């Protein structure tokens, strides 16, 4: 299965609580941190909902 690398780029301070929880659900704890996930519809939906706070790339 393909992999996706997600990097947290912008702070979630002052954002709706739902977006902060989505950042945590992606496994991100610190600004600038990068995590790798499988390319699944659930992960893509979470990335889409916080796309203004993260950057993502297709990884291996």
PDB file of N, CA and C in Angstrom:
ATOM      1  N   UNK A   1       0.845  -1.181   0.000  1.00  0.00           N
ATOM      2  CA  UNK A   1       0.000   0.000   0.000  1.00  0.00           C
ATOM      3  C   UNK A   1       0.887   1.240   0.000  1.00  0.00           C
ATOM      4  N   UNK A   2       0.430   2.277  -0.683  1.00  0.00           N
ATOM      5  CA  UNK A   2       1.181   3.523  -0.763  1.00  0.00           C
ATOM      6  C   UNK A   2       1.231   4.204   0.605  1.00  0.00           C
ATOM      7  N   UNK A   3       2.242   5.006   0.795  1.00  0.00           N
ATOM      8  CA  UNK A   3       2.421   5.737   2.051  1.00  0.00           C
ATOM      9  C   UNK A   3       2.297   7.236   1.798  1.00  0.00           C
ATOM     10  N   UNK A   4       1.910   7.963   2.839  1.00  0.00           N
ATOM     11  CA  UNK A   4       1.803   9.417   2.799  1.00  0.00           C
ATOM     12  C   UNK A   4       2.592   9.974   3.968  1.00  0.00           C
ATOM     13  N   UNK A   5       3.421  10.988   3.709  1.00  0.00           N
ATOM     14  CA  UNK A   5       4.144  11.687   4.769  1.00  0.00           C
ATOM     15  C   UNK A   5       3.409  12.990   5.048  1.00  0.00           C
ATOM     16  N   UNK A   6       3.069  13.209   6.324  1.00  0.00           N
ATOM     17  CA  UNK A   6       2.326  14.396   6.740  1.00  0.00           C
ATOM     18  C   UNK A   6       3.203  15.200   7.693  1.00  0.00           C
ATOM     19  N   UNK A   7       3.380  16.488   7.397  1.00  0.00           N
ATOM     20  CA  UNK A   7       4.184  17.380   8.239  1.00  0.00           C
ATOM     21  C   UNK A   7       3.299  18.505   8.745  1.00  0.00           C
ATOM     22  N   UNK A   8       3.338  18.727  10.063  1.00  0.00           N
ATOM     23  CA  UNK A   8       2.557  19.801  10.696  1.00  0.00           C
ATOM     24  C   UNK A   8       3.310  21.106  10.497  1.00  0.00           C
ATOM     25  N   UNK A   9       2.707  22.085   9.777  1.00  0.00           N
ATOM     26  CA  UNK A   9       3.379  23.331   9.422  1.00  0.00           C
ATOM     27  C   UNK A   9       2.858  24.572  10.141  1.00  0.00           C
ATOM     28  N   UNK A  10       1.561  24.618  10.467  1.00  0.00           N
ATOM     29  CA  UNK A  10       0.989  25.801  11.105  1.00  0.00           C
ATOM     30  C   UNK A  10       0.323  25.417  12.410  1.00  0.00           C
ATOM     31  N   UNK A  11       0.390  26.306  13.380  1.00  0.00           N
ATOM     32  CA  UNK A  11      -0.163  26.051  14.712  1.00  0.00           C
ATOM     33  C   UNK A  11      -1.681  25.889  14.684  1.00  0.00           C
ATOM     34  N   UNK A  12      -2.185  25.075  15.595  1.00  0.00           N
ATOM     35  CA  UNK A  12      -3.624  24.865  15.725  1.00  0.00           C
ATOM     36  C   UNK A  12      -4.221  25.742  16.829  1.00  0.00           C
ATOM     37  N   UNK A  13      -3.427  26.626  17.424  1.00  0.00           N
ATOM     38  CA  UNK A  13      -3.929  27.516  18.466  1.00  0.00           C
ATOM     39  C   UNK A  13      -4.980  28.442  17.859  1.00  0.00           C
ATOM     40  N   UNK A  14      -6.114  28.533  18.522  1.00  0.00           N
ATOM     41  CA  UNK A  14      -7.187  29.396  18.061  1.00  0.00           C
ATOM     42  C   UNK A  14      -8.069  28.759  16.996  1.00  0.00           C
ATOM     43  N   UNK A  15      -7.751  27.543  16.608  1.00  0.00           N
ATOM     44  CA  UNK A  15      -8.562  26.822  15.621  1.00  0.00           C
ATOM     45  C   UNK A  15      -9.682  26.078  16.347  1.00  0.00           C
ATOM     46  N   UNK A  16     -10.719  25.692  15.628  1.00  0.00           N
ATOM     47  CA  UNK A  16     -11.779  24.908  16.265  1.00  0.00           C
ATOM     48  C   UNK A  16     -11.227  23.620  16.879  1.00  0.00           C
ATOM     49  N   UNK A  17     -11.848  23.187  17.965  1.00  0.00           N
ATOM     50  CA  UNK A  17     -11.402  22.010  18.704  1.00  0.00           C
ATOM     51  C   UNK A  17     -11.335  20.774  17.807  1.00  0.00           C
ATOM     52  N   UNK A  18     -12.253  20.671  16.871  1.00  0.00           N
ATOM     53  CA  UNK A  18     -12.276  19.518  15.960  1.00  0.00           C
ATOM     54  C   UNK A  18     -10.975  19.422  15.153  1.00  0.00           C
ATOM     55  N   UNK A  19     -10.440  20.562  14.709  1.00  0.00           N
ATOM     56  CA  UNK A  19      -9.191  20.557  13.943  1.00  0.00           C
ATOM     57  C   UNK A  19      -8.014  20.163  14.832  1.00  0.00           C
ATOM     58  N   UNK A  20      -7.999  20.640  16.064  1.00  0.00           N
ATOM     59  CA  UNK A  20      -6.935  20.260  16.994  1.00  0.00           C
ATOM     60  C   UNK A  20      -6.958  18.756  17.248  1.00  0.00           C
ATOM     61  N   UNK A  21      -8.152  18.183  17.412  1.00  0.00           N
ATOM     62  CA  UNK A  21      -8.270  16.741  17.628  1.00  0.00           C
ATOM     63  C   UNK A  21      -7.848  15.950  16.395  1.00  0.00           C
ATOM     64  N   UNK A  22      -8.104  16.489  15.217  1.00  0.00           N
ATOM     65  CA  UNK A  22      -7.697  15.814  13.982  1.00  0.00           C
ATOM     66  C   UNK A  22      -6.180  15.783  13.870  1.00  0.00           C
ATOM     67  N   UNK A  23      -5.522  16.868  14.233  1.00  0.00           N
ATOM     68  CA  UNK A  23      -4.053  16.910  14.228  1.00  0.00           C
ATOM     69  C   UNK A  23      -3.514  15.825  15.149  1.00  0.00           C
ATOM     70  N   UNK A  24      -4.082  15.706  16.349  1.00  0.00           N
ATOM     71  CA  UNK A  24      -3.649  14.676  17.307  1.00  0.00           C
ATOM     72  C   UNK A  24      -3.941  13.273  16.767  1.00  0.00           C
ATOM     73  N   UNK A  25      -5.093  13.097  16.118  1.00  0.00           N
ATOM     74  CA  UNK A  25      -5.463  11.791  15.579  1.00  0.00           C
ATOM     75  C   UNK A  25      -4.516  11.358  14.461  1.00  0.00           C
ATOM     76  N   UNK A  26      -3.918  12.316  13.785  1.00  0.00           N
ATOM     77  CA  UNK A  26      -2.922  11.993  12.760  1.00  0.00           C
ATOM     78  C   UNK A  26      -1.589  11.592  13.381  1.00  0.00           C
ATOM     79  N   UNK A  27      -1.468  11.747  14.693  1.00  0.00           N
ATOM     80  CA  UNK A  27      -0.243  11.351  15.380  1.00  0.00           C
ATOM     81  C   UNK A  27       0.784  12.461  15.487  1.00  0.00           C
ATOM     82  N   UNK A  28       0.344  13.688  15.260  1.00  0.00           N
ATOM     83  CA  UNK A  28       1.264  14.831  15.324  1.00  0.00           C
ATOM     84  C   UNK A  28       1.210  15.446  16.721  1.00  0.00           C
ATOM     85  N   UNK A  29       2.388  15.691  17.293  1.00  0.00           N
ATOM     86  CA  UNK A  29       2.473  16.235  18.644  1.00  0.00           C
ATOM     87  C   UNK A  29       3.181  17.581  18.701  1.00  0.00           C
ATOM     88  N   UNK A  30       4.117  17.815  17.786  1.00  0.00           N
ATOM     89  CA  UNK A  30       4.899  19.052  17.792  1.00  0.00           C
ATOM     90  C   UNK A  30       4.874  19.688  16.407  1.00  0.00           C
ATOM     91  N   UNK A  31       4.895  20.993  16.367  1.00  0.00           N
ATOM     92  CA  UNK A  31       4.979  21.723  15.110  1.00  0.00           C
ATOM     93  C   UNK A  31       6.268  21.323  14.396  1.00  0.00           C
ATOM     94  N   UNK A  32       6.173  21.029  13.126  1.00  0.00           N
ATOM     95  CA  UNK A  32       7.339  20.612  12.353  1.00  0.00           C
ATOM     96  C   UNK A  32       7.550  19.107  12.323  1.00  0.00           C
ATOM     97  N   UNK A  33       6.760  18.380  13.084  1.00  0.00           N
ATOM     98  CA  UNK A  33       6.890  16.923  13.145  1.00  0.00           C
ATOM     99  C   UNK A  33       6.320  16.284  11.873  1.00  0.00           C
ATOM    100  N   UNK A  34       6.929  15.171  11.447  1.00  0.00           N
ATOM    101  CA  UNK A  34       6.477  14.431  10.273  1.00  0.00           C
ATOM    102  C   UNK A  34       6.132  13.008  10.678  1.00  0.00           C
ATOM    103  N   UNK A  35       4.988  12.516  10.198  1.00  0.00           N
ATOM    104  CA  UNK A  35       4.566  11.142  10.435  1.00  0.00           C
ATOM    105  C   UNK A  35       4.238  10.496   9.092  1.00  0.00           C
ATOM    106  N   UNK A  36       4.268   9.164   9.054  1.00  0.00           N
ATOM    107  CA  UNK A  36       3.953   8.421   7.845  1.00  0.00           C
ATOM    108  C   UNK A  36       2.724   7.557   8.098  1.00  0.00           C
ATOM    109  N   UNK A  37       1.794   7.586   7.147  1.00  0.00           N
ATOM    110  CA  UNK A  37       0.558   6.800   7.236  1.00  0.00           C
ATOM    111  C   UNK A  37       0.329   6.066   5.922  1.00  0.00           C
ATOM    112  N   UNK A  38      -0.487   5.015   5.982  1.00  0.00           N
ATOM    113  CA  UNK A  38      -0.944   4.359   4.764  1.00  0.00           C
ATOM    114  C   UNK A  38      -1.917   5.289   4.038  1.00  0.00           C
ATOM    115  N   UNK A  39      -1.959   5.152   2.736  1.00  0.00           N
ATOM    116  CA  UNK A  39      -2.840   5.960   1.898  1.00  0.00           C
ATOM    117  C   UNK A  39      -4.244   5.345   1.920  1.00  0.00           C
ATOM    118  N   UNK A  40      -5.044   5.726   2.922  1.00  0.00           N
ATOM    119  CA  UNK A  40      -6.404   5.206   3.052  1.00  0.00           C
ATOM    120  C   UNK A  40      -7.397   6.371   2.964  1.00  0.00           C
ATOM    121  N   UNK A  41      -8.648   6.093   2.623  1.00  0.00           N
ATOM    122  CA  UNK A  41      -9.642   7.169   2.560  1.00  0.00           C
ATOM    123  C   UNK A  41      -9.807   7.916   3.888  1.00  0.00           C
ATOM    124  N   UNK A  42      -9.709   7.223   5.007  1.00  0.00           N
ATOM    125  CA  UNK A  42      -9.862   7.877   6.316  1.00  0.00           C
ATOM    126  C   UNK A  42      -8.743   8.889   6.558  1.00  0.00           C
ATOM    127  N   UNK A  43      -7.514   8.493   6.262  1.00  0.00           N
ATOM    128  CA  UNK A  43      -6.370   9.399   6.454  1.00  0.00           C
ATOM    129  C   UNK A  43      -6.467  10.577   5.494  1.00  0.00           C
ATOM    130  N   UNK A  44      -6.829  10.321   4.245  1.00  0.00           N
ATOM    131  CA  UNK A  44      -6.965  11.408   3.269  1.00  0.00           C
ATOM    132  C   UNK A  44      -8.042  12.400   3.695  1.00  0.00           C
ATOM    133  N   UNK A  45      -9.128  11.908   4.287  1.00  0.00           N
ATOM    134  CA  UNK A  45     -10.180  12.796   4.779  1.00  0.00           C
ATOM    135  C   UNK A  45      -9.694  13.663   5.926  1.00  0.00           C
ATOM    136  N   UNK A  46      -8.908  13.083   6.832  1.00  0.00           N
ATOM    137  CA  UNK A  46      -8.360  13.871   7.946  1.00  0.00           C
ATOM    138  C   UNK A  46      -7.400  14.933   7.422  1.00  0.00           C
ATOM    139  N   UNK A  47      -6.565  14.555   6.457  1.00  0.00           N
ATOM    140  CA  UNK A  47      -5.625  15.524   5.875  1.00  0.00           C
ATOM    141  C   UNK A  47      -6.381  16.648   5.191  1.00  0.00           C
ATOM    142  N   UNK A  48      -7.444  16.307   4.479  1.00  0.00           N
ATOM    143  CA  UNK A  48      -8.235  17.323   3.782  1.00  0.00           C
ATOM    144  C   UNK A  48      -8.851  18.313   4.768  1.00  0.00           C
ATOM    145  N   UNK A  49      -9.273  17.833   5.930  1.00  0.00           N
ATOM    146  CA  UNK A  49      -9.939  18.715   6.890  1.00  0.00           C
ATOM    147  C   UNK A  49      -8.972  19.678   7.584  1.00  0.00           C
ATOM    148  N   UNK A  50      -7.685  19.365   7.587  1.00  0.00           N
ATOM    149  CA  UNK A  50      -6.685  20.266   8.184  1.00  0.00           C
ATOM    150  C   UNK A  50      -5.602  20.625   7.163  1.00  0.00           C
ATOM    151  N   UNK A  51      -5.964  20.636   5.891  1.00  0.00           N
ATOM    152  CA  UNK A  51      -4.985  20.872   4.822  1.00  0.00           C
ATOM    153  C   UNK A  51      -4.302  22.234   4.939  1.00  0.00           C
ATOM    154  N   UNK A  52      -4.951  23.205   5.576  1.00  0.00           N
ATOM    155  CA  UNK A  52      -4.368  24.528   5.756  1.00  0.00           C
ATOM    156  C   UNK A  52      -3.321  24.544   6.878  1.00  0.00           C
ATOM    157  N   UNK A  53      -3.218  23.448   7.649  1.00  0.00           N
ATOM    158  CA  UNK A  53      -2.263  23.373   8.756  1.00  0.00           C
ATOM    159  C   UNK A  53      -1.110  22.406   8.484  1.00  0.00           C
ATOM    160  N   UNK A  54      -1.261  21.547   7.492  1.00  0.00           N
ATOM    161  CA  UNK A  54      -0.253  20.521   7.235  1.00  0.00           C
ATOM    162  C   UNK A  54       0.176  20.535   5.771  1.00  0.00           C
ATOM    163  N   UNK A  55       1.317  19.896   5.514  1.00  0.00           N
ATOM    164  CA  UNK A  55       1.764  19.616   4.154  1.00  0.00           C
ATOM    165  C   UNK A  55       1.897  18.106   4.047  1.00  0.00           C
ATOM    166  N   UNK A  56       1.619  17.554   2.894  1.00  0.00           N
ATOM    167  CA  UNK A  56       1.744  16.105   2.738  1.00  0.00           C
ATOM    168  C   UNK A  56       2.348  15.786   1.371  1.00  0.00           C
ATOM    169  N   UNK A  57       3.037  14.660   1.328  1.00  0.00           N
ATOM    170  CA  UNK A  57       3.640  14.170   0.097  1.00  0.00           C
ATOM    171  C   UNK A  57       3.474  12.672   0.022  1.00  0.00           C
ATOM    172  N   UNK A  58       3.483  12.146  -1.184  1.00  0.00           N
ATOM    173  CA  UNK A  58       3.484  10.709  -1.370  1.00  0.00           C
ATOM    174  C   UNK A  58       4.876  10.222  -0.984  1.00  0.00           C
ATOM    175  N   UNK A  59       4.947   9.315  -0.053  1.00  0.00           N
ATOM    176  CA  UNK A  59       6.223   8.755   0.365  1.00  0.00           C
ATOM    177  C   UNK A  59       6.303   7.297  -0.018  1.00  0.00           C
ATOM    178  N   UNK A  60       7.395   6.620   0.395  1.00  0.00           N
ATOM    179  CA  UNK A  60       7.452   5.188   0.124  1.00  0.00           C
ATOM    180  C   UNK A  60       7.382   4.403   1.387  1.00  0.00           C
TER     181      UNK A  60
END
